[in-house]
Amino acid sequence: MKLRHYAVGLASAAALALGTAGPAAAGGTPAFTCWANQSNVYLYGDGPGVGPVDWILHTGDAFYGHSTTLVNGVFWSYGHTKNNNSDLWVRTGQLRC
């Protein structure tokens, strides 16, 4: 079962690598562009899932990512939105890339 989750995680990370570059903003040129796959996708400024929610994406809103990392079995992406001037963390599974 763990091997299966690991394989799914690797596939998710590979999918992010196929994303398209978007406009430069907050932290420079993004490595990938994804879109919220549901409404009320929460973004955190203090770390992956840490602190208060600093921004909310709605279905179809773009997220310009810089990196993705695995934290306690959950993939998190670090980047910004078109309308936010700072880089934030979002659960990668809530994005469509």
N, C-alpha and C. Protein backbone atom coordinates (compact mmCIF):
# COMPACT_ATOMS: atom_id res chain seq x y z
N MET A 1 0.82 -1.19 0.00
CA MET A 1 0.00 0.00 0.00
C MET A 1 0.87 1.26 0.00
N LYS A 2 1.94 1.26 0.80
CA LYS A 2 2.82 2.43 0.83
C LYS A 2 3.47 2.67 -0.52
N LEU A 3 3.85 1.58 -1.19
CA LEU A 3 4.46 1.70 -2.50
C LEU A 3 3.47 2.33 -3.48
N ARG A 4 2.21 1.96 -3.36
CA ARG A 4 1.18 2.51 -4.24
C ARG A 4 1.03 4.01 -4.02
N HIS A 5 1.00 4.46 -2.75
CA HIS A 5 0.90 5.90 -2.45
C HIS A 5 2.13 6.64 -2.95
N TYR A 6 3.30 6.00 -2.82
CA TYR A 6 4.54 6.61 -3.29
C TYR A 6 4.48 6.81 -4.80
N ALA A 7 3.99 5.79 -5.52
CA ALA A 7 3.88 5.87 -6.98
C ALA A 7 2.91 6.96 -7.39
N VAL A 8 1.79 7.08 -6.69
CA VAL A 8 0.82 8.13 -6.99
C VAL A 8 1.44 9.50 -6.75
N GLY A 9 2.21 9.62 -5.66
CA GLY A 9 2.89 10.88 -5.36
C GLY A 9 3.89 11.26 -6.44
N LEU A 10 4.65 10.28 -6.91
CA LEU A 10 5.61 10.54 -7.98
C LEU A 10 4.90 10.95 -9.26
N ALA A 11 3.78 10.32 -9.54
CA ALA A 11 3.01 10.68 -10.73
C ALA A 11 2.49 12.10 -10.63
N SER A 12 2.06 12.51 -9.43
CA SER A 12 1.58 13.88 -9.23
C SER A 12 2.70 14.88 -9.44
N ALA A 13 3.87 14.56 -8.91
CA ALA A 13 5.02 15.45 -9.06
C ALA A 13 5.42 15.55 -10.53
N ALA A 14 5.36 14.43 -11.26
CA ALA A 14 5.69 14.44 -12.68
C ALA A 14 4.69 15.28 -13.46
N ALA A 15 3.42 15.22 -13.07
CA ALA A 15 2.40 16.02 -13.76
C ALA A 15 2.67 17.50 -13.58
N LEU A 16 3.17 17.88 -12.42
CA LEU A 16 3.48 19.29 -12.19
C LEU A 16 4.60 19.75 -13.11
N ALA A 17 5.55 18.87 -13.37
CA ALA A 17 6.67 19.23 -14.22
C ALA A 17 6.21 19.52 -15.65
N LEU A 18 5.05 19.01 -16.03
CA LEU A 18 4.52 19.22 -17.36
C LEU A 18 3.70 20.49 -17.49
N GLY A 19 3.48 21.20 -16.39
CA GLY A 19 2.69 22.42 -16.41
C GLY A 19 3.34 23.49 -17.27
N THR A 20 2.60 24.54 -17.56
CA THR A 20 3.14 25.61 -18.40
C THR A 20 3.58 26.77 -17.54
N ALA A 21 4.54 27.51 -18.02
CA ALA A 21 5.01 28.69 -17.29
C ALA A 21 3.99 29.79 -17.43
N GLY A 22 3.80 30.56 -16.39
CA GLY A 22 2.85 31.65 -16.39
C GLY A 22 3.55 32.97 -16.20
N PRO A 23 2.81 34.02 -15.91
CA PRO A 23 3.42 35.33 -15.75
C PRO A 23 4.30 35.41 -14.50
N ALA A 24 5.36 36.18 -14.60
CA ALA A 24 6.23 36.38 -13.45
C ALA A 24 5.54 37.33 -12.48
N ALA A 25 5.74 37.12 -11.22
CA ALA A 25 5.19 38.00 -10.19
C ALA A 25 5.93 37.73 -8.90
N ALA A 26 5.21 37.53 -7.84
CA ALA A 26 5.72 37.43 -6.47
C ALA A 26 7.14 36.92 -6.36
N GLY A 27 7.38 35.65 -6.63
CA GLY A 27 8.70 35.08 -6.43
C GLY A 27 9.46 34.85 -7.71
N GLY A 28 9.17 35.56 -8.76
CA GLY A 28 9.87 35.37 -10.02
C GLY A 28 9.09 34.47 -10.97
N THR A 29 9.78 33.97 -11.98
CA THR A 29 9.15 33.15 -13.01
C THR A 29 8.76 31.80 -12.43
N PRO A 30 7.49 31.41 -12.57
CA PRO A 30 7.05 30.13 -12.03
C PRO A 30 7.53 28.96 -12.88
N ALA A 31 7.61 27.79 -12.27
CA ALA A 31 8.01 26.57 -12.95
C ALA A 31 6.82 25.87 -13.59
N PHE A 32 5.61 26.11 -13.06
CA PHE A 32 4.42 25.45 -13.58
C PHE A 32 3.19 26.29 -13.26
N THR A 33 2.14 26.09 -14.06
CA THR A 33 0.86 26.76 -13.83
C THR A 33 -0.21 25.69 -13.66
N CYS A 34 -1.01 25.84 -12.61
CA CYS A 34 -2.12 24.92 -12.34
C CYS A 34 -3.37 25.75 -12.07
N TRP A 35 -4.52 25.06 -11.96
CA TRP A 35 -5.78 25.72 -11.68
C TRP A 35 -6.48 25.01 -10.54
N ALA A 36 -7.21 25.77 -9.74
CA ALA A 36 -7.97 25.18 -8.64
C ALA A 36 -9.00 24.22 -9.22
N ASN A 37 -9.08 23.00 -8.67
CA ASN A 37 -10.05 22.03 -9.18
C ASN A 37 -11.31 21.98 -8.33
N GLN A 38 -11.45 22.92 -7.41
CA GLN A 38 -12.65 23.03 -6.57
C GLN A 38 -12.68 24.46 -6.02
N SER A 39 -13.79 24.85 -5.42
CA SER A 39 -13.82 26.19 -4.82
C SER A 39 -13.27 26.12 -3.40
N ASN A 40 -12.88 27.24 -2.89
CA ASN A 40 -12.33 27.36 -1.53
C ASN A 40 -11.09 26.49 -1.31
N VAL A 41 -10.11 26.65 -2.20
CA VAL A 41 -8.81 26.01 -2.04
C VAL A 41 -7.97 26.98 -1.20
N TYR A 42 -7.57 26.55 -0.03
CA TYR A 42 -6.89 27.43 0.91
C TYR A 42 -5.40 27.50 0.66
N LEU A 43 -4.84 28.71 0.77
CA LEU A 43 -3.41 28.95 0.64
C LEU A 43 -2.90 29.50 1.96
N TYR A 44 -1.72 29.02 2.36
CA TYR A 44 -1.13 29.37 3.65
C TYR A 44 0.22 30.07 3.46
N GLY A 45 0.45 31.12 4.22
CA GLY A 45 1.69 31.86 4.12
C GLY A 45 2.77 31.43 5.09
N ASP A 46 2.40 30.75 6.16
CA ASP A 46 3.37 30.39 7.21
C ASP A 46 3.99 29.02 7.02
N GLY A 47 3.65 28.34 5.94
CA GLY A 47 4.17 26.99 5.68
C GLY A 47 3.04 26.09 5.24
N PRO A 48 3.35 24.88 4.83
CA PRO A 48 2.32 23.95 4.36
C PRO A 48 1.27 23.64 5.43
N GLY A 49 0.09 24.23 5.30
CA GLY A 49 -1.00 24.00 6.24
C GLY A 49 -0.82 24.68 7.59
N VAL A 50 0.14 25.59 7.70
CA VAL A 50 0.46 26.23 8.97
C VAL A 50 -0.14 27.63 9.04
N GLY A 51 -0.67 27.97 10.19
CA GLY A 51 -1.17 29.32 10.43
C GLY A 51 -2.53 29.55 9.80
N PRO A 52 -2.93 30.80 9.74
CA PRO A 52 -4.25 31.13 9.18
C PRO A 52 -4.25 31.01 7.66
N VAL A 53 -5.42 30.89 7.09
CA VAL A 53 -5.58 30.89 5.63
C VAL A 53 -5.36 32.33 5.17
N ASP A 54 -4.42 32.52 4.24
CA ASP A 54 -4.09 33.86 3.76
C ASP A 54 -4.75 34.22 2.44
N TRP A 55 -5.22 33.22 1.70
CA TRP A 55 -5.82 33.48 0.40
C TRP A 55 -6.67 32.29 0.03
N ILE A 56 -7.69 32.48 -0.80
CA ILE A 56 -8.55 31.39 -1.24
C ILE A 56 -8.65 31.41 -2.76
N LEU A 57 -8.42 30.26 -3.37
CA LEU A 57 -8.63 30.10 -4.81
C LEU A 57 -10.02 29.50 -5.01
N HIS A 58 -10.65 29.86 -6.11
CA HIS A 58 -11.93 29.28 -6.48
C HIS A 58 -11.75 28.48 -7.75
N THR A 59 -12.68 27.62 -8.06
CA THR A 59 -12.59 26.75 -9.22
C THR A 59 -12.15 27.52 -10.46
N GLY A 60 -11.07 27.05 -11.08
CA GLY A 60 -10.57 27.67 -12.30
C GLY A 60 -9.55 28.77 -12.08
N ASP A 61 -9.36 29.24 -10.84
CA ASP A 61 -8.35 30.27 -10.58
C ASP A 61 -6.95 29.69 -10.79
N ALA A 62 -6.06 30.49 -11.35
CA ALA A 62 -4.70 30.03 -11.65
C ALA A 62 -3.79 30.12 -10.43
N PHE A 63 -2.85 29.17 -10.36
CA PHE A 63 -1.80 29.14 -9.34
C PHE A 63 -0.48 28.97 -10.08
N TYR A 64 0.45 29.89 -9.88
CA TYR A 64 1.75 29.87 -10.55
C TYR A 64 2.78 29.34 -9.57
N GLY A 65 3.15 28.08 -9.73
CA GLY A 65 3.99 27.41 -8.76
C GLY A 65 5.48 27.49 -9.02
N HIS A 66 6.23 27.51 -7.93
CA HIS A 66 7.69 27.52 -8.00
C HIS A 66 8.27 26.16 -7.65
N SER A 67 7.65 25.47 -6.69
CA SER A 67 8.18 24.18 -6.26
C SER A 67 7.07 23.35 -5.61
N THR A 68 7.34 22.06 -5.48
CA THR A 68 6.43 21.14 -4.80
C THR A 68 7.25 20.28 -3.86
N THR A 69 6.72 20.02 -2.67
CA THR A 69 7.43 19.22 -1.69
C THR A 69 6.46 18.30 -0.97
N LEU A 70 6.98 17.19 -0.46
CA LEU A 70 6.18 16.23 0.29
C LEU A 70 6.34 16.50 1.78
N VAL A 71 5.23 16.76 2.48
CA VAL A 71 5.25 17.03 3.91
C VAL A 71 4.27 16.09 4.60
N ASN A 72 4.78 15.22 5.44
CA ASN A 72 3.93 14.26 6.17
C ASN A 72 2.97 13.50 5.26
N GLY A 73 3.45 13.06 4.11
CA GLY A 73 2.64 12.27 3.20
C GLY A 73 1.72 13.06 2.29
N VAL A 74 1.80 14.39 2.32
CA VAL A 74 0.95 15.24 1.48
C VAL A 74 1.84 16.15 0.63
N PHE A 75 1.55 16.20 -0.68
CA PHE A 75 2.29 17.10 -1.56
C PHE A 75 1.74 18.52 -1.42
N TRP A 76 2.66 19.49 -1.26
CA TRP A 76 2.32 20.91 -1.17
C TRP A 76 3.10 21.66 -2.24
N SER A 77 2.45 22.64 -2.85
CA SER A 77 3.10 23.49 -3.84
C SER A 77 3.24 24.90 -3.29
N TYR A 78 4.35 25.54 -3.66
CA TYR A 78 4.66 26.89 -3.21
C TYR A 78 4.64 27.80 -4.42
N GLY A 79 3.86 28.87 -4.36
CA GLY A 79 3.76 29.80 -5.48
C GLY A 79 2.79 30.92 -5.18
N HIS A 80 2.26 31.53 -6.22
CA HIS A 80 1.39 32.69 -6.05
C HIS A 80 0.24 32.66 -7.05
N THR A 81 -0.69 33.56 -6.83
CA THR A 81 -1.83 33.71 -7.73
C THR A 81 -1.66 35.00 -8.52
N LYS A 82 -2.51 35.19 -9.49
CA LYS A 82 -2.46 36.41 -10.30
C LYS A 82 -2.70 37.66 -9.45
N ASN A 83 -3.57 37.55 -8.45
CA ASN A 83 -3.98 38.71 -7.66
C ASN A 83 -3.33 38.81 -6.29
N ASN A 84 -2.35 37.96 -5.99
CA ASN A 84 -1.73 37.99 -4.67
C ASN A 84 -0.25 38.32 -4.83
N ASN A 85 0.26 39.23 -4.02
CA ASN A 85 1.62 39.70 -4.16
C ASN A 85 2.64 38.92 -3.34
N SER A 86 2.24 37.81 -2.74
CA SER A 86 3.21 37.03 -1.97
C SER A 86 3.06 35.55 -2.30
N ASP A 87 4.15 34.80 -2.11
CA ASP A 87 4.11 33.36 -2.36
C ASP A 87 3.48 32.65 -1.17
N LEU A 88 2.66 31.63 -1.48
CA LEU A 88 1.90 30.91 -0.47
C LEU A 88 1.96 29.41 -0.75
N TRP A 89 1.51 28.60 0.21
CA TRP A 89 1.48 27.14 0.11
C TRP A 89 0.05 26.66 -0.14
N VAL A 90 -0.10 25.65 -1.00
CA VAL A 90 -1.39 25.05 -1.30
C VAL A 90 -1.21 23.54 -1.44
N ARG A 91 -2.24 22.76 -1.05
CA ARG A 91 -2.20 21.31 -1.26
C ARG A 91 -2.23 21.05 -2.75
N THR A 92 -1.22 20.36 -3.24
CA THR A 92 -1.11 20.10 -4.67
C THR A 92 -2.30 19.32 -5.21
N GLY A 93 -2.86 18.43 -4.40
CA GLY A 93 -4.00 17.63 -4.84
C GLY A 93 -5.26 18.43 -5.11
N GLN A 94 -5.27 19.70 -4.72
CA GLN A 94 -6.43 20.56 -4.97
C GLN A 94 -6.24 21.39 -6.25
N LEU A 95 -5.18 21.04 -6.99
CA LEU A 95 -4.89 21.74 -8.23
C LEU A 95 -4.99 20.79 -9.42
N ARG A 96 -5.35 21.33 -10.56
CA ARG A 96 -5.37 20.59 -11.82
C ARG A 96 -4.25 21.18 -12.67
N CYS A 97 -3.28 20.35 -13.01
CA CYS A 97 -2.11 20.84 -13.74
C CYS A 97 -2.04 20.28 -15.15
